[in-house]
């Protein structure tokens, strides 16, 4: 039954028409017109959808950030994405802190005790590192601090500040996609070397390299400590 519904929706909506360059341009024009007419509602919808995705740990939040940059530009796309992501992360934190903390402490409390003692020394620094260096999944960093008795204020500050760099890079990527669709003279490889397109590519490369650099730096620091 589900397969039949999907097939029927395919023939009705014809999503393959949007896979072409012209189809994407037409879709963008329609969306931009709708946003101009209903700007505040568009922002609210974006923030609400982003909050839901993060709160329920649904995959694909990064594509919402790219979409935000695509439709609202890199700056406002970053702002709206950070608001949505922060609200979702804060919701997860408080739900875990007040509803599931006793359950998880019984299950993994003894494993978290050593981490808890280290985190107390400098909560903000540790949380910022976890946010800025994507070693662990985003949803895990949203939940674990609740079981470590991290102060809500510290968690909120670290979350908002820590997700800005990565969010900005993906919003830049979305904006560059929009700029790519605006090119009327045809697309060629030279356009990639323009700052508007090159910066997001370099930013994504840097984000991918950060965990590797962090691990190497940490290993080197450990070796120096033991010498």
N, C-alpha and C. Protein backbone atom coordinates (compact mmCIF):
# COMPACT_ATOMS: atom_id res chain seq x y z
N UNK A 1 0.83 -1.20 0.00
CA UNK A 1 0.00 0.00 0.00
C UNK A 1 0.87 1.26 0.00
N UNK A 2 1.89 1.26 0.86
CA UNK A 2 2.79 2.42 0.94
C UNK A 2 3.49 2.65 -0.39
N UNK A 3 3.92 1.56 -1.02
CA UNK A 3 4.61 1.66 -2.30
C UNK A 3 3.69 2.27 -3.35
N UNK A 4 2.42 1.85 -3.35
CA UNK A 4 1.44 2.38 -4.30
C UNK A 4 1.20 3.87 -4.09
N UNK A 5 1.16 4.29 -2.82
CA UNK A 5 0.97 5.72 -2.50
C UNK A 5 2.15 6.54 -3.00
N UNK A 6 3.37 6.03 -2.78
CA UNK A 6 4.59 6.73 -3.22
C UNK A 6 4.60 6.86 -4.74
N UNK A 7 4.23 5.77 -5.44
CA UNK A 7 4.20 5.80 -6.91
C UNK A 7 3.17 6.81 -7.40
N UNK A 8 2.00 6.82 -6.74
CA UNK A 8 0.94 7.76 -7.13
C UNK A 8 1.39 9.20 -6.92
N UNK A 9 2.06 9.47 -5.78
CA UNK A 9 2.55 10.83 -5.50
C UNK A 9 3.61 11.24 -6.52
N UNK A 10 4.42 10.29 -6.96
CA UNK A 10 5.45 10.58 -7.95
C UNK A 10 4.83 11.09 -9.25
N UNK A 11 3.77 10.39 -9.71
CA UNK A 11 3.13 10.77 -10.96
C UNK A 11 2.33 12.07 -10.84
N UNK A 12 1.79 12.32 -9.64
CA UNK A 12 1.01 13.54 -9.43
C UNK A 12 1.91 14.76 -9.30
N UNK A 13 2.94 14.65 -8.44
CA UNK A 13 3.82 15.78 -8.16
C UNK A 13 4.93 15.95 -9.19
N UNK A 14 5.33 14.82 -9.84
CA UNK A 14 6.40 14.83 -10.84
C UNK A 14 7.67 15.51 -10.31
N UNK A 15 8.26 14.98 -9.25
CA UNK A 15 9.44 15.64 -8.67
C UNK A 15 10.65 15.66 -9.58
N UNK A 16 10.67 14.79 -10.60
CA UNK A 16 11.82 14.76 -11.49
C UNK A 16 11.98 16.05 -12.28
N UNK A 17 10.88 16.80 -12.42
CA UNK A 17 10.97 18.07 -13.15
C UNK A 17 11.79 19.10 -12.40
N UNK A 18 11.92 18.94 -11.07
CA UNK A 18 12.69 19.90 -10.27
C UNK A 18 14.17 19.53 -10.23
N UNK A 19 14.52 18.37 -10.78
CA UNK A 19 15.92 17.93 -10.77
C UNK A 19 16.74 18.62 -11.85
N UNK A 20 16.07 19.23 -12.81
CA UNK A 20 16.77 19.96 -13.86
C UNK A 20 17.12 21.36 -13.37
N UNK A 21 18.08 21.98 -14.06
CA UNK A 21 18.51 23.33 -13.69
C UNK A 21 17.35 24.32 -13.83
N UNK A 22 16.60 24.20 -14.91
CA UNK A 22 15.46 25.10 -15.12
C UNK A 22 14.38 24.88 -14.07
N UNK A 23 14.19 23.61 -13.70
CA UNK A 23 13.19 23.31 -12.67
C UNK A 23 13.56 23.90 -11.33
N UNK A 24 14.85 23.82 -10.98
CA UNK A 24 15.32 24.40 -9.73
C UNK A 24 15.19 25.92 -9.73
N UNK A 25 15.50 26.53 -10.88
CA UNK A 25 15.37 27.99 -10.99
C UNK A 25 13.92 28.43 -10.82
N UNK A 26 13.01 27.67 -11.44
CA UNK A 26 11.58 28.01 -11.33
C UNK A 26 11.10 27.85 -9.90
N UNK A 27 11.54 26.78 -9.23
CA UNK A 27 11.15 26.54 -7.84
C UNK A 27 11.67 27.65 -6.94
N UNK A 28 12.91 28.07 -7.19
CA UNK A 28 13.50 29.12 -6.37
C UNK A 28 12.73 30.43 -6.55
N UNK A 29 12.34 30.73 -7.78
CA UNK A 29 11.58 31.96 -8.05
C UNK A 29 10.26 31.95 -7.29
N UNK A 30 9.58 30.81 -7.30
CA UNK A 30 8.30 30.68 -6.59
C UNK A 30 8.49 30.85 -5.09
N UNK A 31 9.53 30.19 -4.55
CA UNK A 31 9.80 30.28 -3.11
C UNK A 31 10.18 31.71 -2.70
N UNK A 32 11.02 32.34 -3.50
CA UNK A 32 11.44 33.71 -3.17
C UNK A 32 10.25 34.67 -3.20
N UNK A 33 9.35 34.48 -4.15
CA UNK A 33 8.15 35.32 -4.22
C UNK A 33 7.28 35.10 -2.98
N UNK A 34 7.15 33.84 -2.57
CA UNK A 34 6.34 33.52 -1.39
C UNK A 34 6.95 34.11 -0.13
N UNK A 35 8.29 34.06 -0.05
CA UNK A 35 8.99 34.59 1.13
C UNK A 35 8.82 36.11 1.21
N UNK A 36 8.91 36.78 0.08
CA UNK A 36 8.72 38.24 0.06
C UNK A 36 7.32 38.60 0.56
N UNK A 37 6.33 37.83 0.14
CA UNK A 37 4.95 38.09 0.52
C UNK A 37 4.65 37.69 1.96
N UNK A 38 5.36 36.67 2.45
CA UNK A 38 5.09 36.14 3.81
C UNK A 38 6.41 35.93 4.55
N UNK A 39 7.19 36.99 4.67
CA UNK A 39 8.54 36.86 5.21
C UNK A 39 8.53 36.33 6.65
N UNK A 40 7.76 36.97 7.52
CA UNK A 40 7.74 36.57 8.94
C UNK A 40 7.28 35.14 9.09
N UNK A 41 6.24 34.75 8.36
CA UNK A 41 5.74 33.38 8.42
C UNK A 41 6.80 32.40 7.92
N UNK A 42 7.54 32.79 6.89
CA UNK A 42 8.60 31.93 6.36
C UNK A 42 9.68 31.69 7.40
N UNK A 43 10.06 32.75 8.10
CA UNK A 43 11.09 32.63 9.14
C UNK A 43 10.60 31.73 10.28
N UNK A 44 9.36 31.94 10.70
CA UNK A 44 8.78 31.14 11.79
C UNK A 44 8.74 29.67 11.39
N UNK A 45 8.32 29.39 10.16
CA UNK A 45 8.25 28.00 9.69
C UNK A 45 9.64 27.36 9.67
N UNK A 46 10.63 28.12 9.19
CA UNK A 46 12.00 27.59 9.16
C UNK A 46 12.49 27.26 10.56
N UNK A 47 12.30 28.20 11.49
CA UNK A 47 12.76 27.99 12.87
C UNK A 47 12.04 26.83 13.52
N UNK A 48 10.72 26.74 13.33
CA UNK A 48 9.93 25.66 13.93
C UNK A 48 10.36 24.30 13.38
N UNK A 49 10.51 24.21 12.06
CA UNK A 49 10.92 22.95 11.44
C UNK A 49 12.31 22.55 11.92
N UNK A 50 13.22 23.52 11.99
CA UNK A 50 14.59 23.23 12.45
C UNK A 50 14.56 22.76 13.91
N UNK A 51 13.76 23.42 14.73
CA UNK A 51 13.65 23.04 16.14
C UNK A 51 13.16 21.61 16.29
N UNK A 52 12.14 21.25 15.51
CA UNK A 52 11.58 19.90 15.57
C UNK A 52 12.62 18.86 15.14
N UNK A 53 13.34 19.15 14.06
CA UNK A 53 14.35 18.21 13.58
C UNK A 53 15.42 17.95 14.64
N UNK A 54 15.89 19.02 15.29
CA UNK A 54 16.93 18.86 16.30
C UNK A 54 16.37 18.23 17.58
N UNK A 55 15.18 18.64 17.99
CA UNK A 55 14.59 18.13 19.22
C UNK A 55 14.33 16.63 19.15
N UNK A 56 13.96 16.15 17.96
CA UNK A 56 13.69 14.72 17.79
C UNK A 56 14.86 13.98 17.14
N UNK A 57 16.00 14.67 17.04
CA UNK A 57 17.23 14.08 16.48
C UNK A 57 16.99 13.45 15.11
N UNK A 58 16.21 14.14 14.27
CA UNK A 58 15.94 13.65 12.93
C UNK A 58 17.11 13.99 12.01
N UNK A 59 17.46 13.09 11.10
CA UNK A 59 18.56 13.39 10.16
C UNK A 59 18.13 14.43 9.13
N UNK A 60 19.08 15.20 8.66
CA UNK A 60 18.80 16.14 7.59
C UNK A 60 18.78 17.60 7.99
N UNK A 61 19.09 17.90 9.26
CA UNK A 61 19.08 19.30 9.70
C UNK A 61 20.08 20.14 8.92
N UNK A 62 21.18 19.52 8.50
CA UNK A 62 22.19 20.26 7.73
C UNK A 62 21.61 20.77 6.42
N UNK A 63 20.69 20.00 5.83
CA UNK A 63 20.09 20.44 4.57
C UNK A 63 19.13 21.61 4.79
N UNK A 64 18.57 21.70 5.99
CA UNK A 64 17.74 22.87 6.32
C UNK A 64 18.62 24.12 6.38
N UNK A 65 19.82 23.96 6.93
CA UNK A 65 20.76 25.09 6.99
C UNK A 65 21.14 25.53 5.58
N UNK A 66 21.42 24.57 4.72
CA UNK A 66 21.76 24.89 3.33
C UNK A 66 20.58 25.59 2.66
N UNK A 67 19.36 25.08 2.94
CA UNK A 67 18.17 25.71 2.38
C UNK A 67 17.96 27.12 2.90
N UNK A 68 18.29 27.33 4.18
CA UNK A 68 18.16 28.67 4.77
C UNK A 68 19.11 29.65 4.09
N UNK A 69 20.34 29.21 3.83
CA UNK A 69 21.29 30.06 3.12
C UNK A 69 20.86 30.30 1.69
N UNK A 70 20.26 29.29 1.09
CA UNK A 70 19.77 29.37 -0.28
C UNK A 70 18.66 30.41 -0.42
N UNK A 71 17.76 30.46 0.57
CA UNK A 71 16.58 31.32 0.48
C UNK A 71 16.75 32.68 1.17
N UNK A 72 17.52 32.71 2.26
CA UNK A 72 17.62 33.95 3.04
C UNK A 72 19.01 34.60 2.99
N UNK A 73 19.95 33.96 2.29
CA UNK A 73 21.30 34.49 2.25
C UNK A 73 22.15 33.95 3.40
N UNK A 74 23.47 34.11 3.34
CA UNK A 74 24.34 33.50 4.35
C UNK A 74 24.19 34.06 5.75
N UNK A 75 23.93 35.38 5.86
CA UNK A 75 23.87 36.00 7.18
C UNK A 75 22.57 35.68 7.91
N UNK A 76 21.44 36.02 7.29
CA UNK A 76 20.16 35.73 7.93
C UNK A 76 19.88 34.23 7.95
N UNK A 77 20.37 33.52 6.94
CA UNK A 77 20.23 32.07 6.96
C UNK A 77 20.93 31.46 8.16
N UNK A 78 22.10 32.01 8.49
CA UNK A 78 22.84 31.55 9.68
C UNK A 78 22.07 31.89 10.96
N UNK A 79 21.58 33.11 11.05
CA UNK A 79 20.86 33.55 12.25
C UNK A 79 19.64 32.67 12.51
N UNK A 80 18.82 32.48 11.48
CA UNK A 80 17.59 31.69 11.66
C UNK A 80 17.90 30.23 11.96
N UNK A 81 18.94 29.70 11.33
CA UNK A 81 19.33 28.31 11.59
C UNK A 81 19.86 28.13 13.00
N UNK A 82 20.67 29.09 13.46
CA UNK A 82 21.21 29.02 14.82
C UNK A 82 20.09 29.09 15.84
N UNK A 83 19.10 29.95 15.60
CA UNK A 83 17.95 30.05 16.51
C UNK A 83 17.21 28.72 16.58
N UNK A 84 16.90 28.14 15.41
CA UNK A 84 16.18 26.87 15.38
C UNK A 84 16.96 25.74 16.01
N UNK A 85 18.25 25.63 15.65
CA UNK A 85 19.08 24.57 16.20
C UNK A 85 19.26 24.72 17.72
N UNK A 86 19.43 25.95 18.17
CA UNK A 86 19.62 26.20 19.61
C UNK A 86 18.36 25.86 20.40
N UNK A 87 17.20 26.26 19.88
CA UNK A 87 15.94 25.95 20.57
C UNK A 87 15.73 24.44 20.66
N UNK A 88 16.04 23.72 19.57
CA UNK A 88 15.90 22.27 19.59
C UNK A 88 16.85 21.62 20.57
N UNK A 89 18.10 22.09 20.58
CA UNK A 89 19.11 21.53 21.49
C UNK A 89 18.75 21.82 22.95
N UNK A 90 18.26 23.01 23.21
CA UNK A 90 17.86 23.39 24.58
C UNK A 90 16.67 22.55 25.04
N UNK A 91 15.73 22.30 24.12
CA UNK A 91 14.56 21.47 24.45
C UNK A 91 15.00 20.06 24.83
N UNK A 92 15.95 19.50 24.06
CA UNK A 92 16.47 18.16 24.36
C UNK A 92 17.15 18.15 25.73
N UNK A 93 17.94 19.18 25.99
CA UNK A 93 18.68 19.27 27.25
C UNK A 93 17.73 19.25 28.45
N UNK A 94 16.69 20.08 28.40
CA UNK A 94 15.77 20.16 29.54
C UNK A 94 14.90 18.91 29.67
N UNK A 95 14.52 18.32 28.55
CA UNK A 95 13.75 17.07 28.62
C UNK A 95 14.59 15.96 29.26
N UNK A 96 15.85 15.87 28.83
CA UNK A 96 16.73 14.86 29.40
C UNK A 96 17.02 15.14 30.87
N UNK A 97 17.17 16.41 31.21
CA UNK A 97 17.54 16.80 32.58
C UNK A 97 16.42 16.52 33.58
N UNK A 98 15.18 16.75 33.17
CA UNK A 98 14.07 16.65 34.12
C UNK A 98 13.22 15.39 33.97
N UNK A 99 13.33 14.70 32.84
CA UNK A 99 12.49 13.52 32.63
C UNK A 99 13.25 12.20 32.64
N UNK A 100 14.50 12.21 32.11
CA UNK A 100 15.21 10.95 31.93
C UNK A 100 16.52 10.85 32.72
N UNK A 101 16.83 11.89 33.50
CA UNK A 101 18.13 11.91 34.17
C UNK A 101 18.28 10.75 35.17
N UNK A 102 17.25 10.45 35.93
CA UNK A 102 17.34 9.37 36.92
C UNK A 102 17.53 8.01 36.24
N UNK A 103 16.82 7.82 35.13
CA UNK A 103 16.91 6.54 34.40
C UNK A 103 18.33 6.32 33.88
N UNK A 104 18.92 7.34 33.26
CA UNK A 104 20.25 7.19 32.68
C UNK A 104 21.33 7.13 33.75
N UNK A 105 21.11 7.79 34.86
CA UNK A 105 22.10 7.71 35.94
C UNK A 105 22.19 6.30 36.50
N UNK A 106 21.07 5.62 36.54
CA UNK A 106 21.07 4.23 37.01
C UNK A 106 21.80 3.32 36.03
N UNK A 107 21.67 3.65 34.73
CA UNK A 107 22.26 2.81 33.69
C UNK A 107 23.75 3.08 33.49
N UNK A 108 24.10 4.36 33.39
CA UNK A 108 25.49 4.71 33.03
C UNK A 108 26.11 5.71 33.99
N UNK A 109 25.53 5.87 35.16
CA UNK A 109 26.02 6.86 36.12
C UNK A 109 27.46 6.67 36.51
N UNK A 110 27.88 5.43 36.72
CA UNK A 110 29.25 5.17 37.16
C UNK A 110 30.28 5.48 36.07
N UNK A 111 29.85 5.36 34.80
CA UNK A 111 30.76 5.68 33.70
C UNK A 111 30.89 7.19 33.50
N UNK A 112 29.83 7.92 33.86
CA UNK A 112 29.84 9.37 33.67
C UNK A 112 30.50 10.12 34.83
N UNK A 113 30.65 9.44 35.97
CA UNK A 113 31.20 10.11 37.16
C UNK A 113 32.58 10.73 36.93
N UNK A 114 33.55 10.00 36.31
CA UNK A 114 34.86 10.62 36.06
C UNK A 114 34.78 11.82 35.11
N UNK A 115 33.94 11.70 34.08
CA UNK A 115 33.76 12.79 33.13
C UNK A 115 33.17 14.01 33.83
N UNK A 116 32.23 13.73 34.72
CA UNK A 116 31.55 14.79 35.46
C UNK A 116 32.51 15.61 36.29
N UNK A 117 33.45 14.94 36.94
CA UNK A 117 34.41 15.64 37.79
C UNK A 117 35.34 16.53 36.96
N UNK A 118 35.73 16.07 35.77
CA UNK A 118 36.59 16.87 34.89
C UNK A 118 35.82 18.05 34.30
N UNK A 119 34.58 17.82 33.93
CA UNK A 119 33.77 18.87 33.30
C UNK A 119 33.53 20.04 34.25
N UNK A 120 33.42 19.76 35.53
CA UNK A 120 33.11 20.80 36.52
C UNK A 120 34.20 21.85 36.61
N UNK A 121 35.44 21.46 36.26
CA UNK A 121 36.56 22.38 36.36
C UNK A 121 36.39 23.56 35.40
N UNK A 122 35.91 23.27 34.19
CA UNK A 122 35.70 24.34 33.21
C UNK A 122 34.63 23.90 32.22
N UNK A 123 33.39 24.05 32.65
CA UNK A 123 32.26 23.55 31.86
C UNK A 123 32.19 24.20 30.49
N UNK A 124 32.33 25.52 30.44
CA UNK A 124 32.16 26.25 29.20
C UNK A 124 33.20 25.84 28.16
N UNK A 125 34.44 25.71 28.57
CA UNK A 125 35.51 25.33 27.64
C UNK A 125 35.26 23.94 27.05
N UNK A 126 34.90 22.99 27.91
CA UNK A 126 34.64 21.63 27.43
C UNK A 126 33.48 21.59 26.45
N UNK A 127 32.41 22.29 26.78
CA UNK A 127 31.23 22.29 25.92
C UNK A 127 31.51 22.97 24.59
N UNK A 128 32.28 24.06 24.62
CA UNK A 128 32.64 24.74 23.38
C UNK A 128 33.46 23.83 22.47
N UNK A 129 34.38 23.07 23.07
CA UNK A 129 35.18 22.13 22.28
C UNK A 129 34.29 21.08 21.64
N UNK A 130 33.34 20.55 22.42
CA UNK A 130 32.42 19.54 21.89
C UNK A 130 31.56 20.09 20.76
N UNK A 131 31.21 21.37 20.84
CA UNK A 131 30.40 21.98 19.79
C UNK A 131 31.24 22.35 18.57
N UNK A 132 32.41 22.91 18.80
CA UNK A 132 33.24 23.39 17.70
C UNK A 132 33.96 22.26 16.98
N UNK A 133 34.30 21.21 17.72
CA UNK A 133 35.00 20.06 17.13
C UNK A 133 34.01 18.90 17.03
N UNK A 134 33.52 18.63 15.84
CA UNK A 134 32.45 17.60 15.69
C UNK A 134 32.96 16.18 15.81
N UNK A 135 33.48 15.85 17.00
CA UNK A 135 33.95 14.48 17.24
C UNK A 135 32.77 13.56 17.50
N UNK A 136 31.80 14.07 18.25
CA UNK A 136 30.62 13.28 18.60
C UNK A 136 29.40 13.82 17.86
N UNK A 137 28.39 12.96 17.65
CA UNK A 137 27.17 13.42 16.96
C UNK A 137 26.50 14.57 17.70
N UNK A 138 25.84 15.43 16.96
CA UNK A 138 25.20 16.62 17.53
C UNK A 138 24.17 16.24 18.58
N UNK A 139 23.38 15.18 18.30
CA UNK A 139 22.32 14.78 19.24
C UNK A 139 22.90 14.28 20.55
N UNK A 140 24.07 13.65 20.49
CA UNK A 140 24.68 13.13 21.71
C UNK A 140 25.17 14.27 22.60
N UNK A 141 25.74 15.31 21.97
CA UNK A 141 26.21 16.48 22.72
C UNK A 141 25.04 17.25 23.31
N UNK A 142 23.85 17.10 22.73
CA UNK A 142 22.66 17.74 23.28
C UNK A 142 22.19 17.07 24.56
N UNK A 143 22.38 15.76 24.64
CA UNK A 143 21.81 14.97 25.74
C UNK A 143 22.76 14.80 26.92
N UNK A 144 23.99 14.40 26.64
CA UNK A 144 24.93 14.03 27.71
C UNK A 144 25.15 15.13 28.75
N UNK A 145 25.29 16.41 28.37
CA UNK A 145 25.47 17.45 29.40
C UNK A 145 24.38 17.49 30.46
N UNK A 146 23.17 17.05 30.10
CA UNK A 146 22.08 17.03 31.07
C UNK A 146 22.35 16.04 32.20
N UNK A 147 23.06 14.96 31.87
CA UNK A 147 23.37 13.94 32.88
C UNK A 147 24.64 14.25 33.66
N UNK A 148 25.33 15.32 33.23
CA UNK A 148 26.56 15.72 33.92
C UNK A 148 26.34 16.94 34.80
N UNK A 149 25.08 17.32 35.00
CA UNK A 149 24.71 18.46 35.85
C UNK A 149 25.34 19.77 35.37
N UNK A 150 25.46 19.91 34.06
CA UNK A 150 25.95 21.17 33.49
C UNK A 150 24.88 22.24 33.72
N UNK A 151 25.31 23.42 34.11
CA UNK A 151 24.36 24.51 34.34
C UNK A 151 23.68 24.91 33.04
N UNK A 152 22.36 25.10 33.06
CA UNK A 152 21.63 25.48 31.84
C UNK A 152 22.21 26.70 31.13
N UNK A 153 22.59 27.71 31.92
CA UNK A 153 23.13 28.93 31.32
C UNK A 153 24.40 28.63 30.53
N UNK A 154 25.28 27.82 31.10
CA UNK A 154 26.53 27.46 30.44
C UNK A 154 26.24 26.66 29.17
N UNK A 155 25.30 25.75 29.26
CA UNK A 155 24.93 24.91 28.11
C UNK A 155 24.39 25.77 26.97
N UNK A 156 23.53 26.72 27.29
CA UNK A 156 22.91 27.57 26.27
C UNK A 156 23.98 28.44 25.59
N UNK A 157 24.87 29.05 26.37
CA UNK A 157 25.92 29.91 25.82
C UNK A 157 26.84 29.11 24.90
N UNK A 158 27.28 27.94 25.37
CA UNK A 158 28.18 27.11 24.59
C UNK A 158 27.51 26.61 23.32
N UNK A 159 26.23 26.29 23.41
CA UNK A 159 25.51 25.78 22.25
C UNK A 159 25.37 26.85 21.18
N UNK A 160 24.92 28.03 21.57
CA UNK A 160 24.70 29.12 20.60
C UNK A 160 26.02 29.52 19.93
N UNK A 161 27.06 29.71 20.74
CA UNK A 161 28.35 30.14 20.18
C UNK A 161 29.00 29.02 19.37
N UNK A 162 28.92 27.81 19.90
CA UNK A 162 29.63 26.69 19.29
C UNK A 162 29.10 26.26 17.93
N UNK A 163 27.81 26.47 17.66
CA UNK A 163 27.26 26.01 16.38
C UNK A 163 27.31 27.08 15.30
N UNK A 164 27.71 28.28 15.64
CA UNK A 164 27.73 29.36 14.65
C UNK A 164 28.70 29.10 13.48
N UNK A 165 29.97 28.72 13.73
CA UNK A 165 30.90 28.55 12.60
C UNK A 165 30.43 27.53 11.57
N UNK A 166 30.05 26.34 12.03
CA UNK A 166 29.61 25.30 11.10
C UNK A 166 28.34 25.69 10.37
N UNK A 167 27.42 26.32 11.10
CA UNK A 167 26.17 26.77 10.50
C UNK A 167 26.43 27.80 9.40
N UNK A 168 27.34 28.71 9.66
CA UNK A 168 27.66 29.75 8.68
C UNK A 168 28.25 29.15 7.40
N UNK A 169 29.08 28.13 7.56
CA UNK A 169 29.68 27.50 6.37
C UNK A 169 28.59 26.85 5.51
N UNK A 170 27.66 26.14 6.14
CA UNK A 170 26.60 25.50 5.37
C UNK A 170 25.61 26.51 4.77
N UNK A 171 25.39 27.61 5.49
CA UNK A 171 24.54 28.67 4.94
C UNK A 171 25.23 29.33 3.74
N UNK A 172 26.54 29.48 3.82
CA UNK A 172 27.31 29.99 2.68
C UNK A 172 27.19 29.06 1.49
N UNK A 173 27.22 27.76 1.76
CA UNK A 173 27.07 26.78 0.69
C UNK A 173 25.71 26.93 0.01
N UNK A 174 24.66 27.09 0.82
CA UNK A 174 23.33 27.29 0.26
C UNK A 174 23.24 28.55 -0.56
N UNK A 175 23.88 29.61 -0.09
CA UNK A 175 23.88 30.87 -0.82
C UNK A 175 24.62 30.74 -2.15
N UNK A 176 25.71 29.98 -2.15
CA UNK A 176 26.46 29.78 -3.38
C UNK A 176 25.67 28.96 -4.39
N UNK A 177 24.86 28.03 -3.90
CA UNK A 177 23.97 27.27 -4.80
C UNK A 177 22.96 28.22 -5.45
N UNK A 178 22.42 29.14 -4.63
CA UNK A 178 21.49 30.13 -5.16
C UNK A 178 22.15 31.02 -6.19
N UNK A 179 23.39 31.42 -5.92
CA UNK A 179 24.12 32.25 -6.88
C UNK A 179 24.39 31.49 -8.16
N UNK A 180 24.65 30.20 -8.01
CA UNK A 180 24.91 29.36 -9.18
C UNK A 180 23.68 29.30 -10.09
N UNK A 181 22.51 29.24 -9.48
CA UNK A 181 21.27 29.19 -10.26
C UNK A 181 20.97 30.54 -10.91
N UNK A 182 21.58 31.60 -10.39
CA UNK A 182 21.32 32.93 -10.93
C UNK A 182 22.19 33.25 -12.14
N UNK A 183 23.16 32.40 -12.41
CA UNK A 183 24.05 32.63 -13.54
C UNK A 183 23.29 32.38 -14.84
N UNK A 184 23.27 33.36 -15.69
CA UNK A 184 22.53 33.26 -16.95
C UNK A 184 23.40 32.92 -18.15
N UNK A 185 24.71 33.07 -17.98
CA UNK A 185 25.62 32.86 -19.11
C UNK A 185 26.13 31.44 -19.22
N UNK A 186 25.52 30.54 -18.45
CA UNK A 186 25.99 29.17 -18.47
C UNK A 186 27.00 28.93 -17.37
N UNK A 187 27.12 27.73 -16.90
CA UNK A 187 28.00 27.38 -15.78
C UNK A 187 29.30 26.80 -16.32
N UNK A 188 30.42 27.32 -15.85
CA UNK A 188 31.71 26.76 -16.22
C UNK A 188 32.55 26.59 -14.97
N UNK A 189 33.63 25.84 -15.10
CA UNK A 189 34.44 25.50 -13.93
C UNK A 189 35.14 26.70 -13.32
N UNK A 190 35.34 27.76 -14.10
CA UNK A 190 36.03 28.94 -13.57
C UNK A 190 35.27 29.60 -12.43
N UNK A 191 33.96 29.42 -12.42
CA UNK A 191 33.13 30.07 -11.41
C UNK A 191 33.43 29.54 -10.01
N UNK A 192 33.96 28.32 -9.93
CA UNK A 192 34.27 27.71 -8.63
C UNK A 192 35.35 28.50 -7.89
N UNK A 193 36.21 29.18 -8.64
CA UNK A 193 37.34 29.90 -8.03
C UNK A 193 36.96 31.31 -7.60
N UNK A 194 35.74 31.71 -7.82
CA UNK A 194 35.27 32.99 -7.30
C UNK A 194 35.04 32.86 -5.80
N UNK A 195 35.35 33.92 -5.01
CA UNK A 195 35.24 33.83 -3.54
C UNK A 195 33.91 33.31 -3.04
N UNK A 196 32.81 33.70 -3.69
CA UNK A 196 31.49 33.30 -3.21
C UNK A 196 31.30 31.78 -3.25
N UNK A 197 32.00 31.13 -4.17
CA UNK A 197 31.89 29.68 -4.31
C UNK A 197 33.06 28.96 -3.66
N UNK A 198 34.23 29.60 -3.66
CA UNK A 198 35.42 28.96 -3.12
C UNK A 198 35.41 28.91 -1.59
N UNK A 199 34.93 29.97 -0.95
CA UNK A 199 34.92 30.05 0.52
C UNK A 199 34.13 28.90 1.16
N UNK A 200 32.90 28.59 0.71
CA UNK A 200 32.18 27.45 1.30
C UNK A 200 32.91 26.13 1.12
N UNK A 201 33.55 25.95 -0.04
CA UNK A 201 34.29 24.71 -0.28
C UNK A 201 35.45 24.59 0.70
N UNK A 202 36.19 25.68 0.87
CA UNK A 202 37.30 25.68 1.83
C UNK A 202 36.80 25.51 3.25
N UNK A 203 35.65 26.14 3.55
CA UNK A 203 35.07 26.01 4.89
C UNK A 203 34.67 24.58 5.21
N UNK A 204 34.06 23.90 4.25
CA UNK A 204 33.68 22.49 4.44
C UNK A 204 34.91 21.62 4.61
N UNK A 205 35.95 21.92 3.85
CA UNK A 205 37.20 21.16 3.98
C UNK A 205 37.81 21.34 5.37
N UNK A 206 37.75 22.57 5.86
CA UNK A 206 38.29 22.86 7.20
C UNK A 206 37.48 22.13 8.28
N UNK A 207 36.14 22.17 8.16
CA UNK A 207 35.29 21.48 9.14
C UNK A 207 35.58 19.98 9.15
N UNK A 208 35.83 19.42 7.98
CA UNK A 208 36.14 17.99 7.89
C UNK A 208 37.49 17.68 8.52
N UNK A 209 38.42 18.65 8.46
CA UNK A 209 39.77 18.42 8.97
C UNK A 209 39.89 18.70 10.47
N UNK A 210 38.96 19.47 11.04
CA UNK A 210 39.05 19.86 12.46
C UNK A 210 39.17 18.66 13.40
N UNK A 211 38.33 17.62 13.29
CA UNK A 211 38.47 16.49 14.21
C UNK A 211 39.83 15.82 14.11
N UNK A 212 40.38 15.71 12.89
CA UNK A 212 41.68 15.08 12.70
C UNK A 212 42.77 15.92 13.37
N UNK A 213 42.72 17.23 13.14
CA UNK A 213 43.70 18.13 13.74
C UNK A 213 43.62 18.13 15.26
N UNK A 214 42.38 18.07 15.77
CA UNK A 214 42.19 18.07 17.21
C UNK A 214 42.79 16.81 17.83
N UNK A 215 42.56 15.66 17.22
CA UNK A 215 43.10 14.39 17.75
C UNK A 215 44.62 14.40 17.75
N UNK A 216 45.21 14.92 16.67
CA UNK A 216 46.68 14.98 16.60
C UNK A 216 47.24 15.93 17.65
N UNK A 217 46.58 17.08 17.82
CA UNK A 217 47.01 18.06 18.82
C UNK A 217 46.91 17.46 20.22
N UNK A 218 45.83 16.72 20.45
CA UNK A 218 45.63 16.12 21.77
C UNK A 218 46.67 15.04 22.05
N UNK A 219 46.97 14.22 21.04
CA UNK A 219 47.98 13.17 21.21
C UNK A 219 49.35 13.77 21.49
N UNK A 220 49.67 14.85 20.75
CA UNK A 220 50.95 15.52 20.96
C UNK A 220 51.03 16.13 22.35
N UNK A 221 49.91 16.67 22.80
CA UNK A 221 49.88 17.25 24.14
C UNK A 221 50.05 16.20 25.22
N UNK A 222 49.45 15.03 25.00
CA UNK A 222 49.60 13.93 25.96
C UNK A 222 51.04 13.45 26.01
N UNK A 223 51.69 13.37 24.85
CA UNK A 223 53.09 12.92 24.82
C UNK A 223 53.99 13.88 25.57
N UNK A 224 53.79 15.19 25.38
CA UNK A 224 54.58 16.21 26.07
C UNK A 224 54.38 16.15 27.56
N UNK A 225 53.15 15.84 27.99
CA UNK A 225 52.83 15.76 29.41
C UNK A 225 53.54 14.61 30.08
N UNK A 226 53.64 13.47 29.34
CA UNK A 226 54.26 12.27 29.94
C UNK A 226 55.77 12.30 29.86
N UNK A 227 56.35 13.22 29.07
CA UNK A 227 57.81 13.26 28.97
C UNK A 227 58.44 13.89 30.22
